[in-house]
Amino acid sequence: MVAVDFKAQEYQSDGCFREARYRFEGDSQRGWRILREGTLHLELPEGYRLLRSIQCGVCATDLARHHLPFPLPQITGHEVVAEDESGTLVAVEINASHLSTGSPLAKGCPFCRTGLHTHCPDRLTLGIDRLPGGFSPWILAPLGNVIEIPKAIGPDLSVLTEPFAAALHATQRIDLEGATRVAVLGVGRLGLLIVAALNVTREAVGGAFAIEAIDRYVERLKIAQSLGADTTWSDAAPIMPTPGSTPPFEIVIESTGSPQGLQTALSLASREVHVKSTTGIETLGFKNLTACVVDEVSLGCFEPQRITRAPEPRDSAASALVLGTRIPEETDAILGEAGYRVVRMKSINDLSGQSWRELVSKELQADCVVVDSMEAADRVIRPWPDQEQGLVRPRGIVLLADVGQVRSGLGGPILDRRIRLSTSRCGDFRKAIPSMERLLTTRVPLERIITDRLPVEELPRAFELARSPRSLKVVVVHTEAEGS
């Protein structure tokens, strides 16, 4: 058995930090016990390995952690780079699922066995949900989530692996076909990586779209140009469409993380707005936008002529839920012809029944949900406050039927201009690392995104810097870890 004892700063519900004593004891074959202040805190099954943290980036999710529906206090930090037993530099993917730990439960998990293991409902999330994160000198990482960092990337840039993977995943979730102008609204630490990801994606797919960056800080726009932006805007006013005119961009990726930013993005896009922010804040009257991002659910308008074919069967036929008496009966037939098994529910209030909750718990959720109000769309994302699971499956879609309802909040752009609101969360490190290497080969200066490095003892100051507009990526560096 291996055991390490150490102290780490825990993030509190009021946003401050307090030090606590921890002990990890166990091994990858028999599992681990995590003790906090001498009391059992968490038990992990086999399939985790002990790694020494080297450095960890601070991101917007860390700053907004007290808004998220996960227990506190916690050792946070998920953009972690570590060393394994041999001293090899590694990055660690954050979702500890059945599949990533090599658990036999993966065979019976409808998420792990169908390519959705990052959405496994039993997962822990490094530095976010229960599993101690990279602001600790030691971490426990699932065996399948440990990825060696190539020498071409090196120790300094390795800390960008996790956020760049998330940025690259965003470019793979949006519909770039036929696009001529793609904008990134807000080029902070994430927005700049999205610009770089669009740059490498455009090269890979042979696209001809222009990459444009919008931010009020001129220095950030200069960095955006060096990473691949063709045009920059320090003010969105000159490109705002006039009433009745077509918005300038087919696609806008919103990375400001603010309700005002989303409102601007919706005005500037003619086809799609992509959201990545997990701030936990109600936005434009929509309470569960962060949950949409976590589940990678899209929102759109129900248009019979644009219904895509149901996904290929996994364990059972793809399903669609139609929710609301105002939705015409022919909707069921349209979905059925597209290959969906259709279930109809009269009212959102029916969700209070235990049978629906049991159905969602036991079966994979609907691939497509059609609703007659934004209130219903909000509710199907998280029907029950104590359950982090909705009626629509991860990477599914919620479609709003036009039944003459009042246009407000997100509903107006979705219904009147047929805007699709897409989302994405974390990405695949094995895809991100080769793309980072390609960018470095062409001398794209990713290092300009990292503006500050501080010792872990100065973690509260690192968070202060990360909140300031003068900083981009703030990195916390560990000294030699304690323990044996």
Foldseek 3Di string as FASTA:
>chain_A
DFKFKDKFWWQFLVGDTDIWIWMWDDAQQAWIFIDINNHTQDTGGHQWHKWFWFWFWDDLCSNLLSLDPADDGAQATQLTWTAHPVRFIKHFAFKAFCVLSVHPCLVVFLQSQPPNRSVGQPIATARRHRFHHRLARMGIGGNNGIGTADVLCPDLNSSCLWLLQQLLVLVVFDDCPPWAEEEEEDQFQNSLSNLLSVQLVCVVVVHNHAYEYEDLDVVSRVLSVLSHHPYYYNDCVVQQDDPPDAAPGQEYEQDPLDLVSVVSRLRRHLAEYEYEHQNSDQHQNQRCPNLCQSLFEKEAADDLVPDAAFDDDDPDWAAEEEEAPLDDPCVCVSNVVSGHHYDYYHHLVVCVDVVVVVPVVVDAAHLEYEYADSVSVSCQSPVDPVRSHGRHGRNGYYHHYPSPDDQGGPNPSRPVSGYMYTHYYIRDSVVSSVSVSVSVVVPSCPSVQADEEEESVPVVVLSVQCPDPVHGMYMYGYDDGGGD
